[in-house]
Amino acid sequence: MPPAEGEATLAATPAEKIPPSLPDVFRTIKVPKGGGRFWRKFGAFAGPGYLVAVGYMDPGNWATDIAGGSAFGYTLLSVILFSNLMAMLLQSLSAKLGIVAGLDLAQACRQSYGKVTRMMLWVLCELAIIACDLAEVLGTAIALNLLFGIPLVAGVTLTALDVLLILALQRYGFRKLEAFIIALLIVIAVCFGVELAMAQPSIAAIAVSLIPSPQIVTNPLMLYIAIGILGATVMPHNLYLHSAIVQTRDFDRTDEGKREAITMATLDSTIALALAFFINAAILILAAAAFHQNGRTDVAEIQDAYHLLTPALGTGMASMLFGIALLASGQNSTITGTLAGQIVMEGFLNLRLPAWLRRTITRSLAIVPAVLVVAWWGDTGAAKLLVASQVVLSLQLPFAVVPLVRFTSDPAKMGKFANRGWIKWTAYAVAAVIIGLNCLMLSYLAM
């Protein structure tokens, strides 16, 4: 279906037109017209938020949450909370960009910046996607090893086959893809709900830890893990992803229709990210209750957590549920990573590759370093690489956040929907906090 006039066809240069984002599924999901029917309309809009939420609970989150909970108890729970609040704001802006301007974030960068700047932004975003894919590769390989005894190197290699899974799902339409994602999210949530009931954490300690502690910025190790949590929670490629997949909805392009679409998309992503907060918090709380409170402050690897959960909680079901949730998390994340990679490459370069080729390239760039690290350093190297990959994501985050806030605050792109007042300045404050924490961490690392 061709894009409407004045939306995805805005010129990037006088000679170039920008095609619609994800053209195969562009405006393929119908939204009920007219007033009333809130739940039917919300049902039509619900879905993109859950694809975005997947990135907020991928295996990289597991590594940072387990390390943080084991080493520092519940202290870093406040980092997860505030990271999620930041994410809710930024994802709502990402959805608004796609709905109002008819552009995804990569296309908006291509339209607004010169060649050198947009190429730099593209390279940084590709590095972030590779870092994220690296976490997915390692997480899936670890899950296969724990549940079925498959060696890590073989497990890493097997993750190349998920290209076939993604291509198969895409053939059945975008709604089926969203349903598959939501089903796996429910599996993860149920697994951790049961494990929290087994662990019986301290509710009082959890409540206190939702208030940030000064230790987080004064303790270099705690700050490093906190930055990893931030990078694992507010995922830069998700800002590109969300601005594209909201355009799969065929809503009214009037001002009233766009306003309603923004409300529905924001509600969708906020509910989905609340679920992501529960799962992330559950991982850290489980590590704090099962390990830190029992004197095991050195559990930083997913494999160790899997093996220690059985004696800590007194039942083999704890480890099994942990492994199942990890496998579901890895598979979910790999699907959304594929979409993000396609959006970024097509948006920045206006280059379209077959889905299988784009996925194979990205996955190969993640598999090679993963195989080398696992073969050389084994399980310990895999754990360190997981946490490091999330720190890389955090370092790249400002290069996605700042353009997003700038574009959504620009009346030339957004018209009457441009950010105003507290939304604009809160978004810039979030960007400043992210940049400040990254600079502080780099200063610690340089010492």
Protein backbone atom coordinates (compact mmCIF):
# COMPACT_ATOMS: atom_id res chain seq x y z
CA MET A 1 0.00 0.00 0.00
CA PRO A 2 1.57 3.35 -0.94
CA PRO A 3 2.27 5.85 1.84
CA ALA A 4 -0.08 8.77 2.28
CA GLU A 5 0.97 12.12 0.92
CA GLY A 6 3.30 14.08 3.20
CA GLU A 7 4.25 11.15 5.43
CA ALA A 8 6.82 8.48 4.61
CA THR A 9 7.61 10.12 1.27
CA LEU A 10 9.27 13.20 2.75
CA ALA A 11 12.42 13.93 0.80
CA ALA A 12 15.78 13.09 2.34
CA THR A 13 17.47 14.90 -0.52
CA PRO A 14 15.89 16.74 -3.47
CA ALA A 15 16.33 13.59 -5.60
CA GLU A 16 15.38 10.94 -3.07
CA LYS A 17 12.12 9.67 -1.63
CA ILE A 18 11.96 7.68 1.59
CA PRO A 19 9.85 4.53 1.19
CA PRO A 20 7.59 3.32 4.01
CA SER A 21 9.17 1.53 6.95
CA LEU A 22 8.78 -2.28 6.84
CA PRO A 23 6.87 -2.04 3.52
CA ASP A 24 5.66 -5.67 3.60
CA VAL A 25 3.54 -5.01 6.70
CA PHE A 26 3.00 -1.25 6.38
CA ARG A 27 -0.61 -0.40 7.46
CA THR A 28 -1.71 -4.02 7.17
CA ILE A 29 -3.53 -4.12 10.54
CA LYS A 30 -6.92 -2.43 10.43
CA VAL A 31 -8.10 -0.16 13.26
CA PRO A 32 -11.87 0.27 13.85
CA LYS A 33 -13.05 3.66 12.59
CA GLY A 34 -15.29 6.16 14.32
CA GLY A 35 -15.93 6.95 17.97
CA GLY A 36 -16.47 4.52 20.84
CA ARG A 37 -15.29 0.90 20.83
CA PHE A 38 -12.32 1.65 23.07
CA TRP A 39 -11.42 -1.99 23.72
CA ARG A 40 -11.68 -2.96 20.06
CA LYS A 41 -9.41 -0.09 19.09
CA PHE A 42 -6.97 -0.82 21.89
CA GLY A 43 -6.94 -4.47 20.85
CA ALA A 44 -6.02 -3.42 17.32
CA PHE A 45 -3.17 -1.24 18.60
CA ALA A 46 -1.91 -3.72 21.22
CA GLY A 47 1.17 -5.65 20.14
CA PRO A 48 4.07 -3.34 19.21
CA GLY A 49 4.67 -2.54 22.90
CA TYR A 50 5.28 -6.23 23.62
CA LEU A 51 7.76 -6.55 20.76
CA VAL A 52 9.59 -3.60 22.27
CA ALA A 53 9.33 -5.02 25.81
CA VAL A 54 11.18 -8.15 24.66
CA GLY A 55 14.39 -6.13 24.42
CA TYR A 56 13.97 -5.09 28.06
CA MET A 57 14.18 -8.67 29.35
CA ASP A 58 16.67 -10.37 27.04
CA PRO A 59 19.58 -12.57 28.28
CA GLY A 60 21.73 -9.48 28.72
CA ASN A 61 19.29 -8.30 31.39
CA TRP A 62 19.60 -11.66 33.09
CA ALA A 63 23.37 -11.38 33.35
CA THR A 64 23.34 -7.87 34.82
CA ASP A 65 20.37 -8.53 37.12
CA ILE A 66 21.86 -11.75 38.51
CA ALA A 67 25.25 -10.12 39.05
CA GLY A 68 23.63 -7.09 40.71
CA GLY A 69 21.30 -9.12 42.95
CA SER A 70 23.98 -11.56 44.04
CA ALA A 71 26.63 -8.91 44.79
CA PHE A 72 24.50 -6.11 46.24
CA GLY A 73 21.18 -7.65 47.25
CA TYR A 74 18.15 -5.53 46.45
CA THR A 75 20.10 -2.23 46.20
CA LEU A 76 20.06 -1.97 42.40
CA LEU A 77 16.31 -2.51 42.20
CA SER A 78 15.92 1.27 42.03
CA VAL A 79 18.07 1.29 38.88
CA ILE A 80 15.67 -1.15 37.21
CA LEU A 81 12.70 0.98 38.27
CA PHE A 82 14.07 4.28 37.01
CA SER A 83 15.43 2.66 33.84
CA ASN A 84 11.93 1.38 33.12
CA LEU A 85 10.38 4.80 33.75
CA MET A 86 12.91 6.31 31.34
CA ALA A 87 12.03 3.60 28.84
CA MET A 88 8.31 4.31 29.11
CA LEU A 89 8.89 7.96 28.25
CA LEU A 90 11.34 7.31 25.42
CA GLN A 91 9.25 4.57 23.83
CA SER A 92 6.19 6.82 23.87
CA LEU A 93 8.22 9.44 21.98
CA SER A 94 9.42 6.80 19.54
CA ALA A 95 5.84 5.72 18.84
CA LYS A 96 4.78 9.36 18.43
CA LEU A 97 7.51 9.95 15.83
CA GLY A 98 6.30 7.03 13.73
CA ILE A 99 2.62 7.93 14.06
CA VAL A 100 2.86 11.68 13.39
CA ALA A 101 5.83 12.04 11.03
CA GLY A 102 5.34 8.69 9.27
CA LEU A 103 9.07 8.04 9.68
CA ASP A 104 11.01 5.61 11.79
CA LEU A 105 13.97 7.01 13.75
CA ALA A 106 16.54 5.82 11.19
CA GLN A 107 14.62 7.48 8.35
CA ALA A 108 14.32 10.69 10.37
CA CYS A 109 18.10 10.70 10.88
CA ARG A 110 18.65 10.12 7.16
CA GLN A 111 16.31 12.99 6.35
CA SER A 112 17.80 15.44 8.86
CA TYR A 113 21.56 14.84 9.03
CA GLY A 114 24.42 15.06 6.57
CA LYS A 115 26.10 11.97 5.16
CA VAL A 116 28.97 11.84 7.67
CA THR A 117 26.72 12.20 10.71
CA ARG A 118 24.15 9.67 9.61
CA MET A 119 26.85 7.15 8.64
CA MET A 120 28.38 7.54 12.10
CA LEU A 121 24.97 7.04 13.71
CA TRP A 122 24.34 4.00 11.53
CA VAL A 123 27.66 2.37 12.48
CA LEU A 124 27.02 3.00 16.18
CA CYS A 125 23.53 1.56 15.92
CA GLU A 126 24.79 -1.53 14.09
CA LEU A 127 27.36 -2.04 16.86
CA ALA A 128 24.55 -1.85 19.40
CA ILE A 129 22.50 -4.43 17.48
CA ILE A 130 25.53 -6.73 17.29
CA ALA A 131 26.08 -6.33 21.04
CA CYS A 132 22.42 -7.14 21.66
CA ASP A 133 22.54 -10.10 19.28
CA LEU A 134 25.65 -11.32 21.08
CA ALA A 135 23.68 -11.44 24.33
CA GLU A 136 20.88 -13.34 22.60
CA VAL A 137 23.32 -15.86 21.12
CA LEU A 138 25.01 -16.50 24.45
CA GLY A 139 21.72 -16.63 26.37
CA THR A 140 20.17 -19.16 23.99
CA ALA A 141 23.36 -21.26 23.95
CA ILE A 142 23.51 -21.27 27.75
CA ALA A 143 19.84 -22.31 27.96
CA LEU A 144 20.43 -25.19 25.51
CA ASN A 145 23.43 -26.26 27.54
CA LEU A 146 21.59 -26.17 30.87
CA LEU A 147 18.39 -27.87 29.67
CA PHE A 148 19.75 -30.39 27.16
CA GLY A 149 23.49 -30.63 27.86
CA ILE A 150 24.50 -29.20 24.46
CA PRO A 151 28.06 -27.79 24.67
CA LEU A 152 28.25 -24.00 24.59
CA VAL A 153 30.20 -23.79 21.33
CA ALA A 154 27.70 -26.09 19.61
CA GLY A 155 24.82 -24.13 21.13
CA VAL A 156 26.22 -20.85 19.83
CA THR A 157 26.51 -22.38 16.36
CA LEU A 158 22.94 -23.74 16.51
CA THR A 159 21.57 -20.23 17.07
CA ALA A 160 22.24 -19.58 13.38
CA LEU A 161 19.18 -21.74 12.65
CA ASP A 162 16.81 -19.24 14.22
CA VAL A 163 16.87 -17.45 10.86
CA LEU A 164 14.50 -20.19 9.67
CA LEU A 165 12.17 -19.67 12.66
CA ILE A 166 11.90 -15.95 11.99
CA LEU A 167 11.27 -16.37 8.27
CA ALA A 168 8.57 -18.96 9.01
CA LEU A 169 6.80 -16.67 11.48
CA GLN A 170 6.91 -13.68 9.13
CA ARG A 171 5.08 -15.66 6.43
CA TYR A 172 1.97 -15.86 8.63
CA GLY A 173 1.60 -12.10 9.09
CA PHE A 174 2.59 -9.52 11.66
CA ARG A 175 -0.28 -10.31 14.05
CA LYS A 176 0.85 -13.94 14.33
CA LEU A 177 4.38 -12.75 15.06
CA GLU A 178 3.06 -10.51 17.85
CA ALA A 179 0.97 -13.38 19.27
CA PHE A 180 4.03 -15.66 19.36
CA ILE A 181 6.04 -12.99 21.17
CA ILE A 182 3.28 -12.42 23.75
CA ALA A 183 2.94 -16.17 24.36
CA LEU A 184 6.65 -16.47 25.16
CA LEU A 185 6.45 -13.42 27.44
CA ILE A 186 3.65 -15.10 29.38
CA VAL A 187 5.83 -18.21 29.77
CA ILE A 188 8.68 -16.10 31.18
CA ALA A 189 6.38 -14.20 33.57
CA VAL A 190 4.76 -17.39 34.90
CA CYS A 191 8.16 -19.04 35.46
CA PHE A 192 9.43 -16.12 37.53
CA GLY A 193 6.16 -15.69 39.36
CA VAL A 194 6.45 -19.28 40.60
CA GLU A 195 10.12 -18.84 41.51
CA LEU A 196 9.45 -15.68 43.51
CA ALA A 197 6.79 -17.56 45.45
CA MET A 198 9.42 -20.22 46.22
CA ALA A 199 12.11 -17.69 47.22
CA GLN A 200 9.85 -15.69 49.59
CA PRO A 201 11.88 -12.43 49.38
CA SER A 202 11.65 -9.65 51.96
CA ILE A 203 8.85 -7.28 50.89
CA ALA A 204 10.17 -4.58 53.26
CA ALA A 205 13.68 -4.77 51.79
CA ILE A 206 12.27 -4.59 48.28
CA ALA A 207 10.25 -1.47 49.11
CA VAL A 208 13.27 0.29 50.63
CA SER A 209 15.45 -0.58 47.62
CA LEU A 210 13.10 1.19 45.22
CA ILE A 211 14.65 4.44 46.55
CA PRO A 212 18.10 5.08 44.96
CA SER A 213 21.15 4.70 47.21
CA PRO A 214 24.19 7.05 46.95
CA GLN A 215 26.36 3.92 46.85
CA ILE A 216 25.29 3.34 43.27
CA VAL A 217 27.45 6.22 42.00
CA THR A 218 30.24 6.03 44.61
CA ASN A 219 30.99 2.32 44.30
CA PRO A 220 32.75 1.71 40.93
CA LEU A 221 31.69 -1.96 40.69
CA MET A 222 28.10 -1.14 41.58
CA LEU A 223 28.09 1.69 39.05
CA TYR A 224 29.46 -0.63 36.35
CA ILE A 225 26.65 -3.12 36.92
CA ALA A 226 24.11 -0.28 37.20
CA ILE A 227 25.24 1.04 33.80
CA GLY A 228 24.92 -2.50 32.46
CA ILE A 229 21.36 -2.65 33.80
CA LEU A 230 20.60 0.71 32.19
CA GLY A 231 22.05 -0.46 28.86
CA ALA A 232 20.14 -3.75 29.11
CA THR A 233 16.88 -1.99 30.00
CA VAL A 234 16.74 1.10 27.75
CA MET A 235 17.78 -0.56 24.51
CA PRO A 236 18.86 1.87 21.75
CA HIS A 237 17.65 -0.30 18.88
CA ASN A 238 14.19 -0.47 20.45
CA LEU A 239 13.75 3.25 19.76
CA TYR A 240 14.24 2.53 16.06
CA LEU A 241 12.05 -0.57 16.22
CA HIS A 242 9.05 1.04 17.92
CA SER A 243 8.91 4.02 15.56
CA ALA A 244 8.58 1.56 12.66
CA ILE A 245 6.22 -1.12 13.93
CA VAL A 246 3.53 1.36 15.05
CA GLN A 247 3.15 2.09 11.35
CA THR A 248 1.75 -1.39 10.81
CA ARG A 249 -1.57 0.03 12.10
CA ASP A 250 -3.97 1.53 9.57
CA PHE A 251 -5.44 4.39 11.64
CA ASP A 252 -7.03 7.65 10.52
CA ARG A 253 -4.37 10.15 9.38
CA THR A 254 -6.39 13.10 10.67
CA ASP A 255 -5.17 15.06 13.70
CA GLU A 256 -7.80 13.34 15.85
CA GLY A 257 -6.81 9.94 14.49
CA LYS A 258 -3.13 10.57 15.21
CA ARG A 259 -3.92 11.80 18.72
CA GLU A 260 -5.91 8.66 19.43
CA ALA A 261 -3.16 6.49 17.93
CA ILE A 262 -0.54 8.14 20.18
CA THR A 263 -2.71 7.47 23.24
CA MET A 264 -3.29 3.83 22.32
CA ALA A 265 0.36 3.19 21.40
CA THR A 266 1.58 4.80 24.63
CA LEU A 267 -0.86 2.74 26.68
CA ASP A 268 0.24 -0.42 24.86
CA SER A 269 3.97 0.16 25.46
CA THR A 270 3.48 1.30 29.07
CA ILE A 271 1.57 -1.86 29.99
CA ALA A 272 4.13 -4.03 28.19
CA LEU A 273 7.05 -2.29 29.91
CA ALA A 274 5.35 -2.72 33.28
CA LEU A 275 5.49 -6.48 32.57
CA ALA A 276 9.16 -6.08 31.62
CA PHE A 277 9.80 -4.32 34.93
CA PHE A 278 8.21 -7.21 36.82
CA ILE A 279 10.40 -9.77 35.04
CA ASN A 280 13.63 -7.77 35.40
CA ALA A 281 12.90 -7.02 39.04
CA ALA A 282 12.02 -10.69 39.61
CA ILE A 283 15.42 -11.82 38.30
CA LEU A 284 17.30 -9.42 40.59
CA ILE A 285 15.05 -10.18 43.58
CA LEU A 286 15.47 -13.92 43.02
CA ALA A 287 19.26 -13.54 42.93
CA ALA A 288 19.21 -11.37 46.07
CA ALA A 289 16.93 -13.74 48.02
CA ALA A 290 18.48 -17.02 46.89
CA PHE A 291 22.16 -16.02 46.77
CA HIS A 292 23.03 -12.72 48.46
CA GLN A 293 21.08 -13.46 51.64
CA ASN A 294 22.79 -16.86 51.85
CA GLY A 295 26.27 -15.36 51.59
CA ARG A 296 26.76 -16.14 47.89
CA THR A 297 27.76 -12.70 46.62
CA ASP A 298 29.90 -14.07 43.79
CA VAL A 299 27.19 -15.51 41.54
CA ALA A 300 27.66 -13.57 38.33
CA GLU A 301 27.04 -16.28 35.75
CA ILE A 302 23.72 -17.58 34.51
CA GLN A 303 25.00 -21.16 34.67
CA ASP A 304 25.93 -20.82 38.34
CA ALA A 305 22.52 -19.32 39.11
CA TYR A 306 20.82 -22.26 37.39
CA HIS A 307 22.76 -24.87 39.36
CA LEU A 308 22.53 -23.05 42.71
CA LEU A 309 18.79 -22.38 42.59
CA THR A 310 17.93 -26.02 43.34
CA PRO A 311 19.83 -26.21 46.66
CA ALA A 312 18.92 -22.62 47.56
CA LEU A 313 15.18 -23.09 47.10
CA GLY A 314 15.02 -26.78 47.89
CA THR A 315 13.45 -28.00 44.65
CA GLY A 316 14.70 -29.01 41.21
CA MET A 317 11.74 -27.22 39.64
CA ALA A 318 13.42 -23.87 40.38
CA SER A 319 16.32 -24.59 38.03
CA MET A 320 14.07 -26.08 35.35
CA LEU A 321 11.76 -23.03 35.32
CA PHE A 322 14.82 -20.77 35.18
CA GLY A 323 16.16 -22.61 32.12
CA ILE A 324 12.81 -22.61 30.31
CA ALA A 325 12.40 -18.87 30.88
CA LEU A 326 15.95 -18.23 29.62
CA LEU A 327 15.32 -20.18 26.41
CA ALA A 328 12.05 -18.31 25.81
CA SER A 329 13.83 -15.01 26.44
CA GLY A 330 16.60 -15.78 23.96
CA GLN A 331 14.17 -16.78 21.20
CA ASN A 332 11.97 -13.76 21.76
CA SER A 333 14.88 -11.35 21.62
CA THR A 334 16.28 -12.78 18.44
CA ILE A 335 13.02 -12.06 16.58
CA THR A 336 12.85 -8.39 17.52
CA GLY A 337 16.58 -7.99 16.89
CA THR A 338 16.00 -9.11 13.32
CA LEU A 339 13.31 -6.50 12.75
CA ALA A 340 15.45 -3.77 14.32
CA GLY A 341 18.38 -4.68 12.07
CA GLN A 342 16.19 -4.47 8.98
CA ILE A 343 14.74 -1.11 10.04
CA VAL A 344 18.15 0.41 10.80
CA MET A 345 19.80 -0.71 7.57
CA GLU A 346 16.88 0.30 5.35
CA GLY A 347 16.30 3.57 7.17
CA PHE A 348 19.87 4.85 7.27
CA LEU A 349 21.12 3.48 3.93
CA ASN A 350 17.89 3.09 1.95
CA LEU A 351 19.32 -0.36 1.21
CA ARG A 352 17.02 -3.37 1.10
CA LEU A 353 18.36 -6.89 1.50
CA PRO A 354 16.45 -10.17 1.67
CA ALA A 355 15.41 -10.90 5.26
CA TRP A 356 17.42 -14.14 5.42
CA LEU A 357 20.59 -12.38 4.21
CA ARG A 358 20.24 -9.46 6.63
CA ARG A 359 19.66 -11.83 9.52
CA THR A 360 22.55 -14.10 8.52
CA ILE A 361 24.97 -11.16 8.40
CA THR A 362 23.95 -9.86 11.83
CA ARG A 363 23.93 -13.28 13.43
CA SER A 364 27.36 -14.15 11.97
CA LEU A 365 28.85 -10.97 13.45
CA ALA A 366 27.60 -12.10 16.86
CA ILE A 367 28.41 -15.81 16.54
CA VAL A 368 32.10 -15.38 15.65
CA PRO A 369 33.16 -13.45 18.81
CA ALA A 370 30.88 -15.63 20.95
CA VAL A 371 32.48 -18.84 19.68
CA LEU A 372 35.99 -17.44 20.18
CA VAL A 373 35.31 -16.24 23.73
CA VAL A 374 33.53 -19.45 24.80
CA ALA A 375 36.18 -21.68 23.21
CA TRP A 376 39.02 -19.74 24.86
CA TRP A 377 37.65 -18.68 28.24
CA GLY A 378 34.67 -21.00 28.70
CA ASP A 379 31.71 -20.19 30.95
CA THR A 380 33.46 -17.33 32.77
CA GLY A 381 34.24 -15.56 29.51
CA ALA A 382 30.64 -15.92 28.37
CA ALA A 383 29.35 -14.28 31.56
CA LYS A 384 31.78 -11.35 31.31
CA LEU A 385 30.96 -10.89 27.64
CA LEU A 386 27.23 -10.75 28.45
CA VAL A 387 27.68 -7.92 30.96
CA ALA A 388 30.16 -6.08 28.72
CA SER A 389 27.71 -6.23 25.80
CA GLN A 390 25.12 -4.40 27.89
CA VAL A 391 27.61 -1.67 28.84
CA VAL A 392 28.29 -1.18 25.12
CA LEU A 393 24.55 -0.73 24.61
CA SER A 394 24.43 1.93 27.30
CA LEU A 395 27.35 3.82 25.75
CA GLN A 396 25.53 3.88 22.40
CA LEU A 397 22.19 4.92 23.91
CA PRO A 398 22.69 8.75 23.84
CA PHE A 399 23.25 8.58 20.07
CA ALA A 400 19.68 7.30 19.69
CA VAL A 401 18.03 9.24 22.52
CA VAL A 402 19.25 12.74 21.62
CA PRO A 403 18.05 12.60 17.96
CA LEU A 404 14.73 11.12 19.12
CA VAL A 405 14.09 13.93 21.60
CA ARG A 406 15.21 16.54 19.07
CA PHE A 407 12.96 15.23 16.28
CA THR A 408 9.86 14.84 18.46
CA SER A 409 10.37 18.39 19.78
CA ASP A 410 10.67 19.85 16.28
CA PRO A 411 7.47 21.56 15.02
CA ALA A 412 8.72 21.20 11.44
CA LYS A 413 8.44 17.41 11.76
CA MET A 414 5.71 17.04 14.33
CA GLY A 415 3.52 20.13 13.85
CA LYS A 416 1.11 20.61 16.74
CA PHE A 417 2.26 17.26 18.21
CA ALA A 418 5.79 18.50 18.95
CA ASN A 419 6.95 17.95 22.55
CA ARG A 420 6.21 20.88 24.79
CA GLY A 421 6.73 21.82 28.41
CA TRP A 422 7.53 19.10 30.92
CA ILE A 423 7.69 16.29 28.35
CA LYS A 424 10.39 18.03 26.33
CA TRP A 425 12.55 18.96 29.30
CA THR A 426 12.04 15.64 31.07
CA ALA A 427 13.18 13.85 27.92
CA TYR A 428 16.28 16.05 27.69
CA ALA A 429 16.92 15.43 31.42
CA VAL A 430 16.78 11.67 30.78
CA ALA A 431 19.31 12.06 27.98
CA ALA A 432 21.54 14.13 30.30
CA VAL A 433 21.36 11.48 33.05
CA ILE A 434 22.33 8.73 30.62
CA ILE A 435 25.26 10.75 29.26
CA GLY A 436 26.38 11.73 32.77
CA LEU A 437 26.36 8.14 34.06
CA ASN A 438 28.28 6.95 31.02
CA CYS A 439 30.92 9.64 31.50
CA LEU A 440 31.20 8.76 35.20
CA MET A 441 31.69 5.09 34.38
CA LEU A 442 34.34 5.87 31.76
CA SER A 443 36.20 8.00 34.28
CA TYR A 444 36.21 5.07 36.72
CA LEU A 445 37.44 2.69 34.03
CA ALA A 446 40.24 5.10 33.10
CA MET A 447 41.53 5.25 36.68
